[in-house]
Amino acid sequence: MLGNLIGGFITILIGVTLAPTVANQIQAAKDPDSNASTPSNITGSSASIIGLTTLFYCLAVAGAGIGIAVVGLKQGGVM
């Protein structure tokens, strides 16, 4: 039980620590030369979806951490 709780918190901690790196890489993918005046290769719906990738990453990290913690609580009989 305690191992699963700690594992869930470590998963969230590592995921949150890597979130700015993921966001920077996605911004670099949207604008490769960091110059807003030049058009990028990603436009339209593709730009919208890649812009939401950071949100999906953060939701997946939170979901994984919470899921691991819930399994630990179920094994401990708390939930």
PDB file of N, CA and C in Angstrom:
ATOM      1  N   MET A   1       0.826  -1.183   0.000  1.00  0.00           N
ATOM      2  CA  MET A   1       0.000   0.000   0.000  1.00  0.00           C
ATOM      3  C   MET A   1       0.873   1.250   0.000  1.00  0.00           C
ATOM      4  N   LEU A   2       1.798   1.335   0.931  1.00  0.00           N
ATOM      5  CA  LEU A   2       2.650   2.511   1.035  1.00  0.00           C
ATOM      6  C   LEU A   2       3.530   2.658  -0.202  1.00  0.00           C
ATOM      7  N   GLY A   3       3.979   1.528  -0.749  1.00  0.00           N
ATOM      8  CA  GLY A   3       4.800   1.568  -1.957  1.00  0.00           C
ATOM      9  C   GLY A   3       4.042   2.155  -3.136  1.00  0.00           C
ATOM     10  N   ASN A   4       2.774   1.807  -3.271  1.00  0.00           N
ATOM     11  CA  ASN A   4       1.966   2.344  -4.369  1.00  0.00           C
ATOM     12  C   ASN A   4       1.712   3.839  -4.184  1.00  0.00           C
ATOM     13  N   LEU A   5       1.478   4.268  -2.946  1.00  0.00           N
ATOM     14  CA  LEU A   5       1.273   5.697  -2.700  1.00  0.00           C
ATOM     15  C   LEU A   5       2.527   6.491  -3.033  1.00  0.00           C
ATOM     16  N   ILE A   6       3.670   5.987  -2.586  1.00  0.00           N
ATOM     17  CA  ILE A   6       4.925   6.672  -2.880  1.00  0.00           C
ATOM     18  C   ILE A   6       5.194   6.653  -4.384  1.00  0.00           C
ATOM     19  N   GLY A   7       4.907   5.533  -5.032  1.00  0.00           N
ATOM     20  CA  GLY A   7       5.080   5.443  -6.481  1.00  0.00           C
ATOM     21  C   GLY A   7       4.210   6.437  -7.223  1.00  0.00           C
ATOM     22  N   GLY A   8       2.985   6.613  -6.768  1.00  0.00           N
ATOM     23  CA  GLY A   8       2.091   7.594  -7.390  1.00  0.00           C
ATOM     24  C   GLY A   8       2.612   9.003  -7.248  1.00  0.00           C
ATOM     25  N   PHE A   9       3.117   9.345  -6.063  1.00  0.00           N
ATOM     26  CA  PHE A   9       3.651  10.686  -5.852  1.00  0.00           C
ATOM     27  C   PHE A   9       4.934  10.907  -6.653  1.00  0.00           C
ATOM     28  N   ILE A  10       5.760   9.878  -6.760  1.00  0.00           N
ATOM     29  CA  ILE A  10       6.984  10.009  -7.555  1.00  0.00           C
ATOM     30  C   ILE A  10       6.642  10.177  -9.028  1.00  0.00           C
ATOM     31  N   THR A  11       5.631   9.460  -9.507  1.00  0.00           N
ATOM     32  CA  THR A  11       5.193   9.601 -10.895  1.00  0.00           C
ATOM     33  C   THR A  11       4.737  11.024 -11.176  1.00  0.00           C
ATOM     34  N   ILE A  12       3.940  11.580 -10.275  1.00  0.00           N
ATOM     35  CA  ILE A  12       3.470  12.952 -10.447  1.00  0.00           C
ATOM     36  C   ILE A  12       4.638  13.927 -10.365  1.00  0.00           C
ATOM     37  N   LEU A  13       5.551  13.718  -9.424  1.00  0.00           N
ATOM     38  CA  LEU A  13       6.685  14.621  -9.262  1.00  0.00           C
ATOM     39  C   LEU A  13       7.574  14.647 -10.499  1.00  0.00           C
ATOM     40  N   ILE A  14       7.895  13.489 -11.046  1.00  0.00           N
ATOM     41  CA  ILE A  14       8.741  13.438 -12.240  1.00  0.00           C
ATOM     42  C   ILE A  14       8.010  14.021 -13.445  1.00  0.00           C
ATOM     43  N   GLY A  15       6.738  13.716 -13.571  1.00  0.00           N
ATOM     44  CA  GLY A  15       5.957  14.250 -14.688  1.00  0.00           C
ATOM     45  C   GLY A  15       5.839  15.755 -14.651  1.00  0.00           C
ATOM     46  N   VAL A  16       5.612  16.312 -13.471  1.00  0.00           N
ATOM     47  CA  VAL A  16       5.504  17.767 -13.344  1.00  0.00           C
ATOM     48  C   VAL A  16       6.859  18.425 -13.582  1.00  0.00           C
ATOM     49  N   THR A  17       7.923  17.763 -13.179  1.00  0.00           N
ATOM     50  CA  THR A  17       9.263  18.304 -13.417  1.00  0.00           C
ATOM     51  C   THR A  17       9.584  18.350 -14.908  1.00  0.00           C
ATOM     52  N   LEU A  18       9.104  17.389 -15.659  1.00  0.00           N
ATOM     53  CA  LEU A  18       9.372  17.340 -17.099  1.00  0.00           C
ATOM     54  C   LEU A  18       8.383  18.161 -17.926  1.00  0.00           C
ATOM     55  N   ALA A  19       7.315  18.660 -17.334  1.00  0.00           N
ATOM     56  CA  ALA A  19       6.292  19.396 -18.087  1.00  0.00           C
ATOM     57  C   ALA A  19       6.849  20.636 -18.797  1.00  0.00           C
ATOM     58  N   PRO A  20       7.688  21.463 -18.166  1.00  0.00           N
ATOM     59  CA  PRO A  20       8.223  22.613 -18.911  1.00  0.00           C
ATOM     60  C   PRO A  20       9.077  22.206 -20.114  1.00  0.00           C
ATOM     61  N   THR A  21       9.805  21.115 -19.993  1.00  0.00           N
ATOM     62  CA  THR A  21      10.608  20.632 -21.117  1.00  0.00           C
ATOM     63  C   THR A  21       9.709  20.202 -22.266  1.00  0.00           C
ATOM     64  N   VAL A  22       8.627  19.510 -21.935  1.00  0.00           N
ATOM     65  CA  VAL A  22       7.663  19.097 -22.963  1.00  0.00           C
ATOM     66  C   VAL A  22       7.054  20.328 -23.631  1.00  0.00           C
ATOM     67  N   ALA A  23       6.694  21.327 -22.836  1.00  0.00           N
ATOM     68  CA  ALA A  23       6.101  22.550 -23.387  1.00  0.00           C
ATOM     69  C   ALA A  23       7.088  23.286 -24.295  1.00  0.00           C
ATOM     70  N   ASN A  24       8.358  23.341 -23.898  1.00  0.00           N
ATOM     71  CA  ASN A  24       9.363  23.998 -24.735  1.00  0.00           C
ATOM     72  C   ASN A  24       9.565  23.261 -26.050  1.00  0.00           C
ATOM     73  N   GLN A  25       9.566  21.939 -26.012  1.00  0.00           N
ATOM     74  CA  GLN A  25       9.746  21.168 -27.238  1.00  0.00           C
ATOM     75  C   GLN A  25       8.554  21.316 -28.174  1.00  0.00           C
ATOM     76  N   ILE A  26       7.371  21.410 -27.612  1.00  0.00           N
ATOM     77  CA  ILE A  26       6.182  21.603 -28.447  1.00  0.00           C
ATOM     78  C   ILE A  26       6.194  22.990 -29.067  1.00  0.00           C
ATOM     79  N   GLN A  27       6.616  23.998 -28.303  1.00  0.00           N
ATOM     80  CA  GLN A  27       6.733  25.340 -28.865  1.00  0.00           C
ATOM     81  C   GLN A  27       7.780  25.371 -29.978  1.00  0.00           C
ATOM     82  N   ALA A  28       8.873  24.652 -29.792  1.00  0.00           N
ATOM     83  CA  ALA A  28       9.897  24.581 -30.831  1.00  0.00           C
ATOM     84  C   ALA A  28       9.374  23.866 -32.076  1.00  0.00           C
ATOM     85  N   ALA A  29       8.505  22.895 -31.897  1.00  0.00           N
ATOM     86  CA  ALA A  29       7.926  22.203 -33.052  1.00  0.00           C
ATOM     87  C   ALA A  29       6.974  23.117 -33.817  1.00  0.00           C
ATOM     88  N   LYS A  30       6.266  23.967 -33.083  1.00  0.00           N
ATOM     89  CA  LYS A  30       5.332  24.884 -33.740  1.00  0.00           C
ATOM     90  C   LYS A  30       6.053  26.026 -34.442  1.00  0.00           C
ATOM     91  N   ASP A  31       7.170  26.495 -33.887  1.00  0.00           N
ATOM     92  CA  ASP A  31       7.924  27.604 -34.466  1.00  0.00           C
ATOM     93  C   ASP A  31       9.408  27.255 -34.424  1.00  0.00           C
ATOM     94  N   PRO A  32       9.910  26.541 -35.445  1.00  0.00           N
ATOM     95  CA  PRO A  32      11.262  25.978 -35.378  1.00  0.00           C
ATOM     96  C   PRO A  32      12.385  27.011 -35.258  1.00  0.00           C
ATOM     97  N   ASP A  33      12.242  28.198 -35.857  1.00  0.00           N
ATOM     98  CA  ASP A  33      13.331  29.168 -35.801  1.00  0.00           C
ATOM     99  C   ASP A  33      13.086  30.279 -34.781  1.00  0.00           C
ATOM    100  N   SER A  34      12.068  30.145 -33.953  1.00  0.00           N
ATOM    101  CA  SER A  34      11.722  31.119 -32.904  1.00  0.00           C
ATOM    102  C   SER A  34      11.525  32.519 -33.459  1.00  0.00           C
ATOM    103  N   ASN A  35      11.001  32.599 -34.649  1.00  0.00           N
ATOM    104  CA  ASN A  35      10.738  33.879 -35.277  1.00  0.00           C
ATOM    105  C   ASN A  35       9.281  33.890 -35.709  1.00  0.00           C
ATOM    106  N   ALA A  36       8.500  34.732 -35.080  1.00  0.00           N
ATOM    107  CA  ALA A  36       7.058  34.733 -35.338  1.00  0.00           C
ATOM    108  C   ALA A  36       6.714  35.237 -36.737  1.00  0.00           C
ATOM    109  N   SER A  37       7.645  35.947 -37.384  1.00  0.00           N
ATOM    110  CA  SER A  37       7.327  36.501 -38.700  1.00  0.00           C
ATOM    111  C   SER A  37       7.391  35.460 -39.808  1.00  0.00           C
ATOM    112  N   THR A  38       8.126  34.370 -39.584  1.00  0.00           N
ATOM    113  CA  THR A  38       8.183  33.334 -40.608  1.00  0.00           C
ATOM    114  C   THR A  38       7.110  32.281 -40.326  1.00  0.00           C
ATOM    115  N   PRO A  39       6.444  31.831 -41.369  1.00  0.00           N
ATOM    116  CA  PRO A  39       5.396  30.822 -41.151  1.00  0.00           C
ATOM    117  C   PRO A  39       5.991  29.460 -40.802  1.00  0.00           C
ATOM    118  N   SER A  40       5.260  28.718 -39.993  1.00  0.00           N
ATOM    119  CA  SER A  40       5.713  27.372 -39.655  1.00  0.00           C
ATOM    120  C   SER A  40       5.035  26.360 -40.562  1.00  0.00           C
ATOM    121  N   ASN A  41       5.502  25.136 -40.502  1.00  0.00           N
ATOM    122  CA  ASN A  41       4.933  24.084 -41.333  1.00  0.00           C
ATOM    123  C   ASN A  41       3.649  23.529 -40.746  1.00  0.00           C
ATOM    124  N   ILE A  42       3.332  23.875 -39.500  1.00  0.00           N
ATOM    125  CA  ILE A  42       2.156  23.339 -38.834  1.00  0.00           C
ATOM    126  C   ILE A  42       1.098  24.432 -38.787  1.00  0.00           C
ATOM    127  N   THR A  43      -0.019  24.204 -39.456  1.00  0.00           N
ATOM    128  CA  THR A  43      -1.091  25.194 -39.495  1.00  0.00           C
ATOM    129  C   THR A  43      -2.430  24.498 -39.299  1.00  0.00           C
ATOM    130  N   GLY A  44      -3.458  25.277 -39.081  1.00  0.00           N
ATOM    131  CA  GLY A  44      -4.823  24.769 -39.004  1.00  0.00           C
ATOM    132  C   GLY A  44      -5.068  23.862 -37.831  1.00  0.00           C
ATOM    133  N   SER A  45      -5.768  22.770 -38.106  1.00  0.00           N
ATOM    134  CA  SER A  45      -6.142  21.853 -37.026  1.00  0.00           C
ATOM    135  C   SER A  45      -4.932  21.144 -36.438  1.00  0.00           C
ATOM    136  N   SER A  46      -3.892  20.939 -37.227  1.00  0.00           N
ATOM    137  CA  SER A  46      -2.669  20.319 -36.703  1.00  0.00           C
ATOM    138  C   SER A  46      -2.031  21.199 -35.639  1.00  0.00           C
ATOM    139  N   ALA A  47      -2.034  22.507 -35.844  1.00  0.00           N
ATOM    140  CA  ALA A  47      -1.478  23.430 -34.861  1.00  0.00           C
ATOM    141  C   ALA A  47      -2.306  23.423 -33.580  1.00  0.00           C
ATOM    142  N   SER A  48      -3.615  23.295 -33.716  1.00  0.00           N
ATOM    143  CA  SER A  48      -4.468  23.241 -32.529  1.00  0.00           C
ATOM    144  C   SER A  48      -4.204  21.975 -31.716  1.00  0.00           C
ATOM    145  N   ILE A  49      -4.087  20.860 -32.399  1.00  0.00           N
ATOM    146  CA  ILE A  49      -3.862  19.589 -31.704  1.00  0.00           C
ATOM    147  C   ILE A  49      -2.495  19.559 -31.050  1.00  0.00           C
ATOM    148  N   ILE A  50      -1.455  20.021 -31.751  1.00  0.00           N
ATOM    149  CA  ILE A  50      -0.128  20.003 -31.141  1.00  0.00           C
ATOM    150  C   ILE A  50      -0.043  21.022 -30.010  1.00  0.00           C
ATOM    151  N   GLY A  51      -0.848  22.081 -30.072  1.00  0.00           N
ATOM    152  CA  GLY A  51      -0.897  23.034 -28.971  1.00  0.00           C
ATOM    153  C   GLY A  51      -1.515  22.445 -27.715  1.00  0.00           C
ATOM    154  N   LEU A  52      -2.391  21.480 -27.866  1.00  0.00           N
ATOM    155  CA  LEU A  52      -3.039  20.837 -26.715  1.00  0.00           C
ATOM    156  C   LEU A  52      -2.233  19.659 -26.166  1.00  0.00           C
ATOM    157  N   THR A  53      -1.121  19.331 -26.804  1.00  0.00           N
ATOM    158  CA  THR A  53      -0.328  18.184 -26.378  1.00  0.00           C
ATOM    159  C   THR A  53       0.186  18.344 -24.954  1.00  0.00           C
ATOM    160  N   THR A  54       0.572  19.544 -24.563  1.00  0.00           N
ATOM    161  CA  THR A  54       1.041  19.783 -23.193  1.00  0.00           C
ATOM    162  C   THR A  54      -0.070  19.493 -22.187  1.00  0.00           C
ATOM    163  N   LEU A  55      -1.280  19.913 -22.509  1.00  0.00           N
ATOM    164  CA  LEU A  55      -2.423  19.634 -21.634  1.00  0.00           C
ATOM    165  C   LEU A  55      -2.651  18.136 -21.512  1.00  0.00           C
ATOM    166  N   PHE A  56      -2.614  17.431 -22.631  1.00  0.00           N
ATOM    167  CA  PHE A  56      -2.815  15.978 -22.594  1.00  0.00           C
ATOM    168  C   PHE A  56      -1.714  15.291 -21.805  1.00  0.00           C
ATOM    169  N   TYR A  57      -0.483  15.772 -21.928  1.00  0.00           N
ATOM    170  CA  TYR A  57       0.626  15.197 -21.175  1.00  0.00           C
ATOM    171  C   TYR A  57       0.394  15.371 -19.672  1.00  0.00           C
ATOM    172  N   CYS A  58       0.026  16.575 -19.259  1.00  0.00           N
ATOM    173  CA  CYS A  58      -0.197  16.828 -17.828  1.00  0.00           C
ATOM    174  C   CYS A  58      -1.369  16.008 -17.289  1.00  0.00           C
ATOM    175  N   LEU A  59      -2.428  15.877 -18.070  1.00  0.00           N
ATOM    176  CA  LEU A  59      -3.560  15.056 -17.645  1.00  0.00           C
ATOM    177  C   LEU A  59      -3.177  13.586 -17.535  1.00  0.00           C
ATOM    178  N   ALA A  60      -2.347  13.101 -18.454  1.00  0.00           N
ATOM    179  CA  ALA A  60      -1.910  11.704 -18.403  1.00  0.00           C
ATOM    180  C   ALA A  60      -1.033  11.453 -17.183  1.00  0.00           C
ATOM    181  N   VAL A  61      -0.148  12.389 -16.862  1.00  0.00           N
ATOM    182  CA  VAL A  61       0.715  12.235 -15.686  1.00  0.00           C
ATOM    183  C   VAL A  61      -0.125  12.218 -14.417  1.00  0.00           C
ATOM    184  N   ALA A  62      -1.072  13.147 -14.322  1.00  0.00           N
ATOM    185  CA  ALA A  62      -1.935  13.189 -13.141  1.00  0.00           C
ATOM    186  C   ALA A  62      -2.784  11.926 -13.036  1.00  0.00           C
ATOM    187  N   GLY A  63      -3.333  11.482 -14.158  1.00  0.00           N
ATOM    188  CA  GLY A  63      -4.146  10.262 -14.153  1.00  0.00           C
ATOM    189  C   GLY A  63      -3.361   9.036 -13.750  1.00  0.00           C
ATOM    190  N   ALA A  64      -2.126   8.930 -14.240  1.00  0.00           N
ATOM    191  CA  ALA A  64      -1.292   7.780 -13.884  1.00  0.00           C
ATOM    192  C   ALA A  64      -0.951   7.795 -12.402  1.00  0.00           C
ATOM    193  N   GLY A  65      -0.577   8.944 -11.882  1.00  0.00           N
ATOM    194  CA  GLY A  65      -0.242   9.046 -10.462  1.00  0.00           C
ATOM    195  C   GLY A  65      -1.423   8.758  -9.561  1.00  0.00           C
ATOM    196  N   ILE A  66      -2.562   9.302  -9.910  1.00  0.00           N
ATOM    197  CA  ILE A  66      -3.775   9.062  -9.113  1.00  0.00           C
ATOM    198  C   ILE A  66      -4.190   7.601  -9.205  1.00  0.00           C
ATOM    199  N   GLY A  67      -4.070   7.013 -10.395  1.00  0.00           N
ATOM    200  CA  GLY A  67      -4.424   5.604 -10.560  1.00  0.00           C
ATOM    201  C   GLY A  67      -3.559   4.694  -9.707  1.00  0.00           C
ATOM    202  N   ILE A  68      -2.269   4.956  -9.679  1.00  0.00           N
ATOM    203  CA  ILE A  68      -1.363   4.148  -8.853  1.00  0.00           C
ATOM    204  C   ILE A  68      -1.706   4.312  -7.378  1.00  0.00           C
ATOM    205  N   ALA A  69      -1.993   5.541  -6.956  1.00  0.00           N
ATOM    206  CA  ALA A  69      -2.342   5.781  -5.554  1.00  0.00           C
ATOM    207  C   ALA A  69      -3.657   5.105  -5.176  1.00  0.00           C
ATOM    208  N   VAL A  70      -4.628   5.101  -6.072  1.00  0.00           N
ATOM    209  CA  VAL A  70      -5.920   4.464  -5.789  1.00  0.00           C
ATOM    210  C   VAL A  70      -5.749   2.955  -5.639  1.00  0.00           C
ATOM    211  N   VAL A  71      -4.897   2.347  -6.470  1.00  0.00           N
ATOM    212  CA  VAL A  71      -4.643   0.914  -6.343  1.00  0.00           C
ATOM    213  C   VAL A  71      -4.036   0.617  -4.965  1.00  0.00           C
ATOM    214  N   GLY A  72      -3.118   1.470  -4.527  1.00  0.00           N
ATOM    215  CA  GLY A  72      -2.533   1.286  -3.194  1.00  0.00           C
ATOM    216  C   GLY A  72      -3.550   1.417  -2.080  1.00  0.00           C
ATOM    217  N   LEU A  73      -4.464   2.372  -2.215  1.00  0.00           N
ATOM    218  CA  LEU A  73      -5.510   2.541  -1.199  1.00  0.00           C
ATOM    219  C   LEU A  73      -6.471   1.376  -1.197  1.00  0.00           C
ATOM    220  N   LYS A  74      -6.779   0.826  -2.372  1.00  0.00           N
ATOM    221  CA  LYS A  74      -7.663  -0.350  -2.427  1.00  0.00           C
ATOM    222  C   LYS A  74      -7.007  -1.561  -1.787  1.00  0.00           C
ATOM    223  N   GLN A  75      -5.718  -1.723  -2.007  1.00  0.00           N
ATOM    224  CA  GLN A  75      -5.016  -2.849  -1.398  1.00  0.00           C
ATOM    225  C   GLN A  75      -4.960  -2.702   0.112  1.00  0.00           C
ATOM    226  N   GLY A  76      -4.923  -1.480   0.600  1.00  0.00           N
ATOM    227  CA  GLY A  76      -4.878  -1.244   2.039  1.00  0.00           C
ATOM    228  C   GLY A  76      -6.252  -1.293   2.683  1.00  0.00           C
ATOM    229  N   GLY A  77      -7.302  -1.394   1.901  1.00  0.00           N
ATOM    230  CA  GLY A  77      -8.640  -1.462   2.443  1.00  0.00           C
ATOM    231  C   GLY A  77      -9.236  -0.110   2.804  1.00  0.00           C
ATOM    232  N   VAL A  78      -8.571   0.960   2.439  1.00  0.00           N
ATOM    233  CA  VAL A  78      -9.080   2.295   2.741  1.00  0.00           C
ATOM    234  C   VAL A  78     -10.174   2.696   1.779  1.00  0.00           C
ATOM    235  N   MET A  79     -10.072   2.247   0.558  1.00  0.00           N
ATOM    236  CA  MET A  79     -11.033   2.658  -0.460  1.00  0.00           C
ATOM    237  C   MET A  79     -11.797   1.457  -0.978  1.00  0.00           C
TER     238      MET A  79
END
